[in-house]
Amino acid sequence: KLGRSLMVDMHPSQMVKSHKKQGAR
């Protein structure tokens, strides 16, 4: 189930700002 949940693997410092990025978040 955890594997099925995965959308993306990013560095945490990037994920904190991911709401500002274009495309799928």
mmCIF file of all heavy atoms, coordinates in Angstrom:
data_MODEL
# 
_entry.id   MODEL 
# 
loop_
_atom_site.group_PDB 
_atom_site.id 
_atom_site.type_symbol 
_atom_site.label_atom_id 
_atom_site.label_alt_id 
_atom_site.label_comp_id 
_atom_site.label_asym_id 
_atom_site.label_entity_id 
_atom_site.label_seq_id 
_atom_site.pdbx_PDB_ins_code 
_atom_site.Cartn_x 
_atom_site.Cartn_y 
_atom_site.Cartn_z 
_atom_site.occupancy 
_atom_site.B_iso_or_equiv 
_atom_site.pdbx_formal_charge 
_atom_site.auth_seq_id 
_atom_site.auth_comp_id 
_atom_site.auth_asym_id 
_atom_site.auth_atom_id 
_atom_site.pdbx_PDB_model_num 
ATOM 1   N N   . LYS A 1 1  ? 0.837  -1.203 0.000   1.00 0.00 ? 1  LYS A N   1 
ATOM 2   C CA  . LYS A 1 1  ? 0.000  0.000  0.000   1.00 0.00 ? 1  LYS A CA  1 
ATOM 3   C C   . LYS A 1 1  ? 0.871  1.252  0.000   1.00 0.00 ? 1  LYS A C   1 
ATOM 4   O O   . LYS A 1 1  ? 0.561  2.242  -0.670  1.00 0.00 ? 1  LYS A O   1 
ATOM 5   C CB  . LYS A 1 1  ? -0.925 0.002  1.220   1.00 0.00 ? 1  LYS A CB  1 
ATOM 6   C CG  . LYS A 1 1  ? -2.013 -1.070 1.177   1.00 0.00 ? 1  LYS A CG  1 
ATOM 7   C CD  . LYS A 1 1  ? -2.857 -1.029 2.448   1.00 0.00 ? 1  LYS A CD  1 
ATOM 8   C CE  . LYS A 1 1  ? -3.959 -2.076 2.408   1.00 0.00 ? 1  LYS A CE  1 
ATOM 9   N NZ  . LYS A 1 1  ? -4.763 -2.081 3.666   1.00 0.00 ? 1  LYS A NZ  1 
ATOM 10  N N   . LEU A 1 2  ? 1.971  1.199  0.764   1.00 0.00 ? 2  LEU A N   1 
ATOM 11  C CA  . LEU A 1 2  ? 2.878  2.345  0.801   1.00 0.00 ? 2  LEU A CA  1 
ATOM 12  C C   . LEU A 1 2  ? 3.482  2.579  -0.582  1.00 0.00 ? 2  LEU A C   1 
ATOM 13  O O   . LEU A 1 2  ? 3.616  3.718  -1.028  1.00 0.00 ? 2  LEU A O   1 
ATOM 14  C CB  . LEU A 1 2  ? 3.989  2.106  1.827   1.00 0.00 ? 2  LEU A CB  1 
ATOM 15  C CG  . LEU A 1 2  ? 4.919  3.298  2.096   1.00 0.00 ? 2  LEU A CG  1 
ATOM 16  C CD1 . LEU A 1 2  ? 4.162  4.426  2.786   1.00 0.00 ? 2  LEU A CD1 1 
ATOM 17  C CD2 . LEU A 1 2  ? 6.130  2.872  2.945   1.00 0.00 ? 2  LEU A CD2 1 
ATOM 18  N N   . GLY A 1 3  ? 3.839  1.486  -1.263  1.00 0.00 ? 3  GLY A N   1 
ATOM 19  C CA  . GLY A 1 3  ? 4.365  1.600  -2.621  1.00 0.00 ? 3  GLY A CA  1 
ATOM 20  C C   . GLY A 1 3  ? 3.353  2.211  -3.568  1.00 0.00 ? 3  GLY A C   1 
ATOM 21  O O   . GLY A 1 3  ? 3.699  3.053  -4.414  1.00 0.00 ? 3  GLY A O   1 
ATOM 22  N N   . ARG A 1 4  ? 2.093  1.837  -3.409  1.00 0.00 ? 4  ARG A N   1 
ATOM 23  C CA  . ARG A 1 4  ? 1.040  2.381  -4.276  1.00 0.00 ? 4  ARG A CA  1 
ATOM 24  C C   . ARG A 1 4  ? 0.775  3.853  -3.973  1.00 0.00 ? 4  ARG A C   1 
ATOM 25  O O   . ARG A 1 4  ? 0.254  4.588  -4.809  1.00 0.00 ? 4  ARG A O   1 
ATOM 26  C CB  . ARG A 1 4  ? -0.248 1.562  -4.122  1.00 0.00 ? 4  ARG A CB  1 
ATOM 27  C CG  . ARG A 1 4  ? -0.144 0.150  -4.704  1.00 0.00 ? 4  ARG A CG  1 
ATOM 28  C CD  . ARG A 1 4  ? -1.513 -0.501 -4.838  1.00 0.00 ? 4  ARG A CD  1 
ATOM 29  N NE  . ARG A 1 4  ? -2.073 -0.891 -3.564  1.00 0.00 ? 4  ARG A NE  1 
ATOM 30  C CZ  . ARG A 1 4  ? -1.939 -2.084 -3.009  1.00 0.00 ? 4  ARG A CZ  1 
ATOM 31  N NH1 . ARG A 1 4  ? -1.229 -3.028 -3.629  1.00 0.00 ? 4  ARG A NH1 1 
ATOM 32  N NH2 . ARG A 1 4  ? -2.494 -2.369 -1.848  1.00 0.00 ? 4  ARG A NH2 1 
ATOM 33  N N   . SER A 1 5  ? 1.130  4.291  -2.760  1.00 0.00 ? 5  SER A N   1 
ATOM 34  C CA  . SER A 1 5  ? 0.888  5.685  -2.383  1.00 0.00 ? 5  SER A CA  1 
ATOM 35  C C   . SER A 1 5  ? 1.901  6.642  -3.002  1.00 0.00 ? 5  SER A C   1 
ATOM 36  O O   . SER A 1 5  ? 1.651  7.839  -3.094  1.00 0.00 ? 5  SER A O   1 
ATOM 37  C CB  . SER A 1 5  ? 0.923  5.834  -0.859  1.00 0.00 ? 5  SER A CB  1 
ATOM 38  O OG  . SER A 1 5  ? 2.264  5.830  -0.374  1.00 0.00 ? 5  SER A OG  1 
ATOM 39  N N   . LEU A 1 6  ? 3.060  6.112  -3.414  1.00 0.00 ? 6  LEU A N   1 
ATOM 40  C CA  . LEU A 1 6  ? 4.157  6.974  -3.857  1.00 0.00 ? 6  LEU A CA  1 
ATOM 41  C C   . LEU A 1 6  ? 3.813  7.740  -5.121  1.00 0.00 ? 6  LEU A C   1 
ATOM 42  O O   . LEU A 1 6  ? 3.425  7.176  -6.133  1.00 0.00 ? 6  LEU A O   1 
ATOM 43  C CB  . LEU A 1 6  ? 5.419  6.143  -4.098  1.00 0.00 ? 6  LEU A CB  1 
ATOM 44  C CG  . LEU A 1 6  ? 6.653  6.944  -4.540  1.00 0.00 ? 6  LEU A CG  1 
ATOM 45  C CD1 . LEU A 1 6  ? 7.099  7.887  -3.425  1.00 0.00 ? 6  LEU A CD1 1 
ATOM 46  C CD2 . LEU A 1 6  ? 7.794  6.018  -4.938  1.00 0.00 ? 6  LEU A CD2 1 
ATOM 47  N N   . MET A 1 7  ? 4.010  9.045  -5.031  1.00 0.00 ? 7  MET A N   1 
ATOM 48  C CA  . MET A 1 7  ? 3.847  9.904  -6.200  1.00 0.00 ? 7  MET A CA  1 
ATOM 49  C C   . MET A 1 7  ? 5.196  10.389 -6.695  1.00 0.00 ? 7  MET A C   1 
ATOM 50  O O   . MET A 1 7  ? 5.469  10.435 -7.880  1.00 0.00 ? 7  MET A O   1 
ATOM 51  C CB  . MET A 1 7  ? 2.970  11.115 -5.852  1.00 0.00 ? 7  MET A CB  1 
ATOM 52  C CG  . MET A 1 7  ? 2.860  12.131 -6.970  1.00 0.00 ? 7  MET A CG  1 
ATOM 53  S SD  . MET A 1 7  ? 1.871  13.552 -6.449  1.00 0.00 ? 7  MET A SD  1 
ATOM 54  C CE  . MET A 1 7  ? 2.004  14.577 -7.901  1.00 0.00 ? 7  MET A CE  1 
ATOM 55  N N   . VAL A 1 8  ? 6.043  10.757 -5.762  1.00 0.00 ? 8  VAL A N   1 
ATOM 56  C CA  . VAL A 1 8  ? 7.333  11.333 -6.138  1.00 0.00 ? 8  VAL A CA  1 
ATOM 57  C C   . VAL A 1 8  ? 8.275  11.205 -4.953  1.00 0.00 ? 8  VAL A C   1 
ATOM 58  O O   . VAL A 1 8  ? 7.854  11.086 -3.816  1.00 0.00 ? 8  VAL A O   1 
ATOM 59  C CB  . VAL A 1 8  ? 7.170  12.816 -6.541  1.00 0.00 ? 8  VAL A CB  1 
ATOM 60  C CG1 . VAL A 1 8  ? 6.795  13.658 -5.341  1.00 0.00 ? 8  VAL A CG1 1 
ATOM 61  C CG2 . VAL A 1 8  ? 8.429  13.359 -7.207  1.00 0.00 ? 8  VAL A CG2 1 
ATOM 62  N N   . ASP A 1 9  ? 9.560  11.203 -5.268  1.00 0.00 ? 9  ASP A N   1 
ATOM 63  C CA  . ASP A 1 9  ? 10.587 11.189 -4.232  1.00 0.00 ? 9  ASP A CA  1 
ATOM 64  C C   . ASP A 1 9  ? 11.413 12.449 -4.399  1.00 0.00 ? 9  ASP A C   1 
ATOM 65  O O   . ASP A 1 9  ? 12.101 12.621 -5.394  1.00 0.00 ? 9  ASP A O   1 
ATOM 66  C CB  . ASP A 1 9  ? 11.477 9.956  -4.393  1.00 0.00 ? 9  ASP A CB  1 
ATOM 67  C CG  . ASP A 1 9  ? 12.746 10.040 -3.559  1.00 0.00 ? 9  ASP A CG  1 
ATOM 68  O OD1 . ASP A 1 9  ? 12.682 10.638 -2.478  1.00 0.00 ? 9  ASP A OD1 1 
ATOM 69  O OD2 . ASP A 1 9  ? 13.787 9.520  -4.002  1.00 0.00 ? 9  ASP A OD2 1 
ATOM 70  N N   . MET A 1 10 ? 11.310 13.371 -3.434  1.00 0.00 ? 10 MET A N   1 
ATOM 71  C CA  . MET A 1 10 ? 12.065 14.616 -3.490  1.00 0.00 ? 10 MET A CA  1 
ATOM 72  C C   . MET A 1 10 ? 12.824 14.810 -2.179  1.00 0.00 ? 10 MET A C   1 
ATOM 73  O O   . MET A 1 10 ? 12.491 14.210 -1.159  1.00 0.00 ? 10 MET A O   1 
ATOM 74  C CB  . MET A 1 10 ? 11.129 15.823 -3.668  1.00 0.00 ? 10 MET A CB  1 
ATOM 75  C CG  . MET A 1 10 ? 10.436 15.914 -4.992  1.00 0.00 ? 10 MET A CG  1 
ATOM 76  S SD  . MET A 1 10 ? 9.450  17.452 -5.067  1.00 0.00 ? 10 MET A SD  1 
ATOM 77  C CE  . MET A 1 10 ? 8.698  17.288 -6.683  1.00 0.00 ? 10 MET A CE  1 
ATOM 78  N N   . HIS A 1 11 ? 13.842 15.662 -2.244  1.00 0.00 ? 11 HIS A N   1 
ATOM 79  C CA  . HIS A 1 11 ? 14.534 16.035 -1.019  1.00 0.00 ? 11 HIS A CA  1 
ATOM 80  C C   . HIS A 1 11 ? 13.566 16.880 -0.186  1.00 0.00 ? 11 HIS A C   1 
ATOM 81  O O   . HIS A 1 11 ? 12.841 17.717 -0.722  1.00 0.00 ? 11 HIS A O   1 
ATOM 82  C CB  . HIS A 1 11 ? 15.781 16.849 -1.346  1.00 0.00 ? 11 HIS A CB  1 
ATOM 83  C CG  . HIS A 1 11 ? 16.667 17.055 -0.158  1.00 0.00 ? 11 HIS A CG  1 
ATOM 84  N ND1 . HIS A 1 11 ? 16.462 18.075 0.743   1.00 0.00 ? 11 HIS A ND1 1 
ATOM 85  C CD2 . HIS A 1 11 ? 17.737 16.373 0.283   1.00 0.00 ? 11 HIS A CD2 1 
ATOM 86  C CE1 . HIS A 1 11 ? 17.382 18.010 1.692   1.00 0.00 ? 11 HIS A CE1 1 
ATOM 87  N NE2 . HIS A 1 11 ? 18.173 16.989 1.435   1.00 0.00 ? 11 HIS A NE2 1 
ATOM 88  N N   . PRO A 1 12 ? 13.523 16.656 1.147   1.00 0.00 ? 12 PRO A N   1 
ATOM 89  C CA  . PRO A 1 12 ? 12.577 17.397 1.994   1.00 0.00 ? 12 PRO A CA  1 
ATOM 90  C C   . PRO A 1 12 ? 12.645 18.907 1.833   1.00 0.00 ? 12 PRO A C   1 
ATOM 91  O O   . PRO A 1 12 ? 11.628 19.597 1.916   1.00 0.00 ? 12 PRO A O   1 
ATOM 92  C CB  . PRO A 1 12 ? 12.982 16.969 3.407   1.00 0.00 ? 12 PRO A CB  1 
ATOM 93  C CG  . PRO A 1 12 ? 13.553 15.608 3.229   1.00 0.00 ? 12 PRO A CG  1 
ATOM 94  C CD  . PRO A 1 12 ? 14.274 15.648 1.907   1.00 0.00 ? 12 PRO A CD  1 
ATOM 95  N N   . SER A 1 13 ? 13.844 19.453 1.610   1.00 0.00 ? 13 SER A N   1 
ATOM 96  C CA  . SER A 1 13 ? 13.955 20.902 1.454   1.00 0.00 ? 13 SER A CA  1 
ATOM 97  C C   . SER A 1 13 ? 13.194 21.382 0.228   1.00 0.00 ? 13 SER A C   1 
ATOM 98  O O   . SER A 1 13 ? 12.731 22.530 0.179   1.00 0.00 ? 13 SER A O   1 
ATOM 99  C CB  . SER A 1 13 ? 15.428 21.319 1.338   1.00 0.00 ? 13 SER A CB  1 
ATOM 100 O OG  . SER A 1 13 ? 16.029 20.765 0.184   1.00 0.00 ? 13 SER A OG  1 
ATOM 101 N N   . GLN A 1 14 ? 13.044 20.500 -0.763  1.00 0.00 ? 14 GLN A N   1 
ATOM 102 C CA  . GLN A 1 14 ? 12.276 20.840 -1.953  1.00 0.00 ? 14 GLN A CA  1 
ATOM 103 C C   . GLN A 1 14 ? 10.780 20.678 -1.703  1.00 0.00 ? 14 GLN A C   1 
ATOM 104 O O   . GLN A 1 14 ? 9.959  21.436 -2.219  1.00 0.00 ? 14 GLN A O   1 
ATOM 105 C CB  . GLN A 1 14 ? 12.711 19.950 -3.118  1.00 0.00 ? 14 GLN A CB  1 
ATOM 106 C CG  . GLN A 1 14 ? 14.124 20.226 -3.590  1.00 0.00 ? 14 GLN A CG  1 
ATOM 107 C CD  . GLN A 1 14 ? 14.295 21.659 -4.025  1.00 0.00 ? 14 GLN A CD  1 
ATOM 108 O OE1 . GLN A 1 14 ? 13.708 22.084 -5.014  1.00 0.00 ? 14 GLN A OE1 1 
ATOM 109 N NE2 . GLN A 1 14 ? 15.077 22.422 -3.287  1.00 0.00 ? 14 GLN A NE2 1 
ATOM 110 N N   . MET A 1 15 ? 10.432 19.674 -0.903  1.00 0.00 ? 15 MET A N   1 
ATOM 111 C CA  . MET A 1 15 ? 9.020  19.402 -0.668  1.00 0.00 ? 15 MET A CA  1 
ATOM 112 C C   . MET A 1 15 ? 8.363  20.512 0.147   1.00 0.00 ? 15 MET A C   1 
ATOM 113 O O   . MET A 1 15 ? 7.177  20.781 0.007   1.00 0.00 ? 15 MET A O   1 
ATOM 114 C CB  . MET A 1 15 ? 8.849  18.064 0.057   1.00 0.00 ? 15 MET A CB  1 
ATOM 115 C CG  . MET A 1 15 ? 9.280  16.872 -0.790  1.00 0.00 ? 15 MET A CG  1 
ATOM 116 S SD  . MET A 1 15 ? 8.659  16.957 -2.483  1.00 0.00 ? 15 MET A SD  1 
ATOM 117 C CE  . MET A 1 15 ? 6.923  17.154 -2.205  1.00 0.00 ? 15 MET A CE  1 
ATOM 118 N N   . VAL A 1 16 ? 9.145  21.171 1.008   1.00 0.00 ? 16 VAL A N   1 
ATOM 119 C CA  . VAL A 1 16 ? 8.606  22.285 1.788   1.00 0.00 ? 16 VAL A CA  1 
ATOM 120 C C   . VAL A 1 16 ? 8.094  23.380 0.860   1.00 0.00 ? 16 VAL A C   1 
ATOM 121 O O   . VAL A 1 16 ? 7.129  24.080 1.167   1.00 0.00 ? 16 VAL A O   1 
ATOM 122 C CB  . VAL A 1 16 ? 9.695  22.834 2.740   1.00 0.00 ? 16 VAL A CB  1 
ATOM 123 C CG1 . VAL A 1 16 ? 9.244  24.132 3.375   1.00 0.00 ? 16 VAL A CG1 1 
ATOM 124 C CG2 . VAL A 1 16 ? 10.004 21.807 3.825   1.00 0.00 ? 16 VAL A CG2 1 
ATOM 125 N N   . LYS A 1 17 ? 8.730  23.528 -0.318  1.00 0.00 ? 17 LYS A N   1 
ATOM 126 C CA  . LYS A 1 17 ? 8.353  24.561 -1.277  1.00 0.00 ? 17 LYS A CA  1 
ATOM 127 C C   . LYS A 1 17 ? 7.596  23.989 -2.480  1.00 0.00 ? 17 LYS A C   1 
ATOM 128 O O   . LYS A 1 17 ? 7.404  24.674 -3.474  1.00 0.00 ? 17 LYS A O   1 
ATOM 129 C CB  . LYS A 1 17 ? 9.606  25.287 -1.765  1.00 0.00 ? 17 LYS A CB  1 
ATOM 130 C CG  . LYS A 1 17 ? 10.429 25.913 -0.641  1.00 0.00 ? 17 LYS A CG  1 
ATOM 131 C CD  . LYS A 1 17 ? 11.722 26.509 -1.180  1.00 0.00 ? 17 LYS A CD  1 
ATOM 132 C CE  . LYS A 1 17 ? 12.577 27.075 -0.054  1.00 0.00 ? 17 LYS A CE  1 
ATOM 133 N NZ  . LYS A 1 17 ? 13.881 27.598 -0.564  1.00 0.00 ? 17 LYS A NZ  1 
ATOM 134 N N   . SER A 1 18 ? 7.184  22.719 -2.390  1.00 0.00 ? 18 SER A N   1 
ATOM 135 C CA  . SER A 1 18 ? 6.584  22.059 -3.555  1.00 0.00 ? 18 SER A CA  1 
ATOM 136 C C   . SER A 1 18 ? 5.271  22.699 -3.990  1.00 0.00 ? 18 SER A C   1 
ATOM 137 O O   . SER A 1 18 ? 4.883  22.591 -5.155  1.00 0.00 ? 18 SER A O   1 
ATOM 138 C CB  . SER A 1 18 ? 6.356  20.570 -3.252  1.00 0.00 ? 18 SER A CB  1 
ATOM 139 O OG  . SER A 1 18 ? 5.411  20.396 -2.214  1.00 0.00 ? 18 SER A OG  1 
ATOM 140 N N   . HIS A 1 19 ? 4.591  23.396 -3.065  1.00 0.00 ? 19 HIS A N   1 
ATOM 141 C CA  . HIS A 1 19 ? 3.313  24.013 -3.433  1.00 0.00 ? 19 HIS A CA  1 
ATOM 142 C C   . HIS A 1 19 ? 3.505  25.159 -4.424  1.00 0.00 ? 19 HIS A C   1 
ATOM 143 O O   . HIS A 1 19 ? 2.551  25.593 -5.063  1.00 0.00 ? 19 HIS A O   1 
ATOM 144 C CB  . HIS A 1 19 ? 2.605  24.524 -2.170  1.00 0.00 ? 19 HIS A CB  1 
ATOM 145 C CG  . HIS A 1 19 ? 3.359  25.577 -1.424  1.00 0.00 ? 19 HIS A CG  1 
ATOM 146 N ND1 . HIS A 1 19 ? 4.498  25.301 -0.697  1.00 0.00 ? 19 HIS A ND1 1 
ATOM 147 C CD2 . HIS A 1 19 ? 3.155  26.918 -1.294  1.00 0.00 ? 19 HIS A CD2 1 
ATOM 148 C CE1 . HIS A 1 19 ? 4.946  26.410 -0.143  1.00 0.00 ? 19 HIS A CE1 1 
ATOM 149 N NE2 . HIS A 1 19 ? 4.164  27.414 -0.488  1.00 0.00 ? 19 HIS A NE2 1 
ATOM 150 N N   . LYS A 1 20 ? 4.771  25.633 -4.567  1.00 0.00 ? 20 LYS A N   1 
ATOM 151 C CA  . LYS A 1 20 ? 5.045  26.725 -5.491  1.00 0.00 ? 20 LYS A CA  1 
ATOM 152 C C   . LYS A 1 20 ? 5.434  26.228 -6.884  1.00 0.00 ? 20 LYS A C   1 
ATOM 153 O O   . LYS A 1 20 ? 5.570  27.017 -7.802  1.00 0.00 ? 20 LYS A O   1 
ATOM 154 C CB  . LYS A 1 20 ? 6.182  27.601 -4.941  1.00 0.00 ? 20 LYS A CB  1 
ATOM 155 C CG  . LYS A 1 20 ? 5.863  28.258 -3.602  1.00 0.00 ? 20 LYS A CG  1 
ATOM 156 C CD  . LYS A 1 20 ? 7.034  29.092 -3.117  1.00 0.00 ? 20 LYS A CD  1 
ATOM 157 C CE  . LYS A 1 20 ? 6.723  29.738 -1.772  1.00 0.00 ? 20 LYS A CE  1 
ATOM 158 N NZ  . LYS A 1 20 ? 7.879  30.537 -1.280  1.00 0.00 ? 20 LYS A NZ  1 
ATOM 159 N N   . LYS A 1 21 ? 5.640  24.923 -7.000  1.00 0.00 ? 21 LYS A N   1 
ATOM 160 C CA  . LYS A 1 21 ? 6.108  24.380 -8.268  1.00 0.00 ? 21 LYS A CA  1 
ATOM 161 C C   . LYS A 1 21 ? 4.950  24.111 -9.222  1.00 0.00 ? 21 LYS A C   1 
ATOM 162 O O   . LYS A 1 21 ? 3.815  23.886 -8.804  1.00 0.00 ? 21 LYS A O   1 
ATOM 163 C CB  . LYS A 1 21 ? 6.897  23.081 -8.028  1.00 0.00 ? 21 LYS A CB  1 
ATOM 164 C CG  . LYS A 1 21 ? 8.155  23.289 -7.193  1.00 0.00 ? 21 LYS A CG  1 
ATOM 165 C CD  . LYS A 1 21 ? 8.924  21.998 -7.033  1.00 0.00 ? 21 LYS A CD  1 
ATOM 166 C CE  . LYS A 1 21 ? 10.176 22.219 -6.203  1.00 0.00 ? 21 LYS A CE  1 
ATOM 167 N NZ  . LYS A 1 21 ? 11.134 23.099 -6.872  1.00 0.00 ? 21 LYS A NZ  1 
ATOM 168 N N   . GLN A 1 22 ? 5.274  24.077 -10.505 1.00 0.00 ? 22 GLN A N   1 
ATOM 169 C CA  . GLN A 1 22 ? 4.283  23.768 -11.524 1.00 0.00 ? 22 GLN A CA  1 
ATOM 170 C C   . GLN A 1 22 ? 4.153  22.253 -11.665 1.00 0.00 ? 22 GLN A C   1 
ATOM 171 O O   . GLN A 1 22 ? 5.050  21.500 -11.315 1.00 0.00 ? 22 GLN A O   1 
ATOM 172 C CB  . GLN A 1 22 ? 4.710  24.376 -12.871 1.00 0.00 ? 22 GLN A CB  1 
ATOM 173 C CG  . GLN A 1 22 ? 4.810  25.900 -12.857 1.00 0.00 ? 22 GLN A CG  1 
ATOM 174 C CD  . GLN A 1 22 ? 3.468  26.557 -12.576 1.00 0.00 ? 22 GLN A CD  1 
ATOM 175 O OE1 . GLN A 1 22 ? 2.444  26.167 -13.119 1.00 0.00 ? 22 GLN A OE1 1 
ATOM 176 N NE2 . GLN A 1 22 ? 3.492  27.572 -11.714 1.00 0.00 ? 22 GLN A NE2 1 
ATOM 177 N N   . GLY A 1 23 ? 3.048  21.820 -12.215 1.00 0.00 ? 23 GLY A N   1 
ATOM 178 C CA  . GLY A 1 23 ? 2.847  20.393 -12.457 1.00 0.00 ? 23 GLY A CA  1 
ATOM 179 C C   . GLY A 1 23 ? 2.315  19.662 -11.240 1.00 0.00 ? 23 GLY A C   1 
ATOM 180 O O   . GLY A 1 23 ? 1.830  20.262 -10.280 1.00 0.00 ? 23 GLY A O   1 
ATOM 181 N N   . ALA A 1 24 ? 2.422  18.332 -11.293 1.00 0.00 ? 24 ALA A N   1 
ATOM 182 C CA  . ALA A 1 24 ? 1.880  17.492 -10.230 1.00 0.00 ? 24 ALA A CA  1 
ATOM 183 C C   . ALA A 1 24 ? 2.613  17.733 -8.919  1.00 0.00 ? 24 ALA A C   1 
ATOM 184 O O   . ALA A 1 24 ? 3.837  17.836 -8.879  1.00 0.00 ? 24 ALA A O   1 
ATOM 185 C CB  . ALA A 1 24 ? 2.001  16.022 -10.627 1.00 0.00 ? 24 ALA A CB  1 
ATOM 186 N N   . ARG A 1 25 ? 1.845  17.829 -7.832  1.00 0.00 ? 25 ARG A N   1 
ATOM 187 C CA  . ARG A 1 25 ? 2.412  18.060 -6.517  1.00 0.00 ? 25 ARG A CA  1 
ATOM 188 C C   . ARG A 1 25 ? 1.826  17.050 -5.535  1.00 0.00 ? 25 ARG A C   1 
ATOM 189 O O   . ARG A 1 25 ? 0.621  16.793 -5.553  1.00 0.00 ? 25 ARG A O   1 
ATOM 190 C CB  . ARG A 1 25 ? 2.097  19.486 -6.041  1.00 0.00 ? 25 ARG A CB  1 
ATOM 191 C CG  . ARG A 1 25 ? 2.765  20.582 -6.854  1.00 0.00 ? 25 ARG A CG  1 
ATOM 192 C CD  . ARG A 1 25 ? 2.387  21.959 -6.330  1.00 0.00 ? 25 ARG A CD  1 
ATOM 193 N NE  . ARG A 1 25 ? 0.995  22.265 -6.645  1.00 0.00 ? 25 ARG A NE  1 
ATOM 194 C CZ  . ARG A 1 25 ? 0.603  22.988 -7.699  1.00 0.00 ? 25 ARG A CZ  1 
ATOM 195 N NH1 . ARG A 1 25 ? 1.508  23.450 -8.544  1.00 0.00 ? 25 ARG A NH1 1 
ATOM 196 N NH2 . ARG A 1 25 ? -0.660 23.240 -7.928  1.00 0.00 ? 25 ARG A NH2 1 
# 
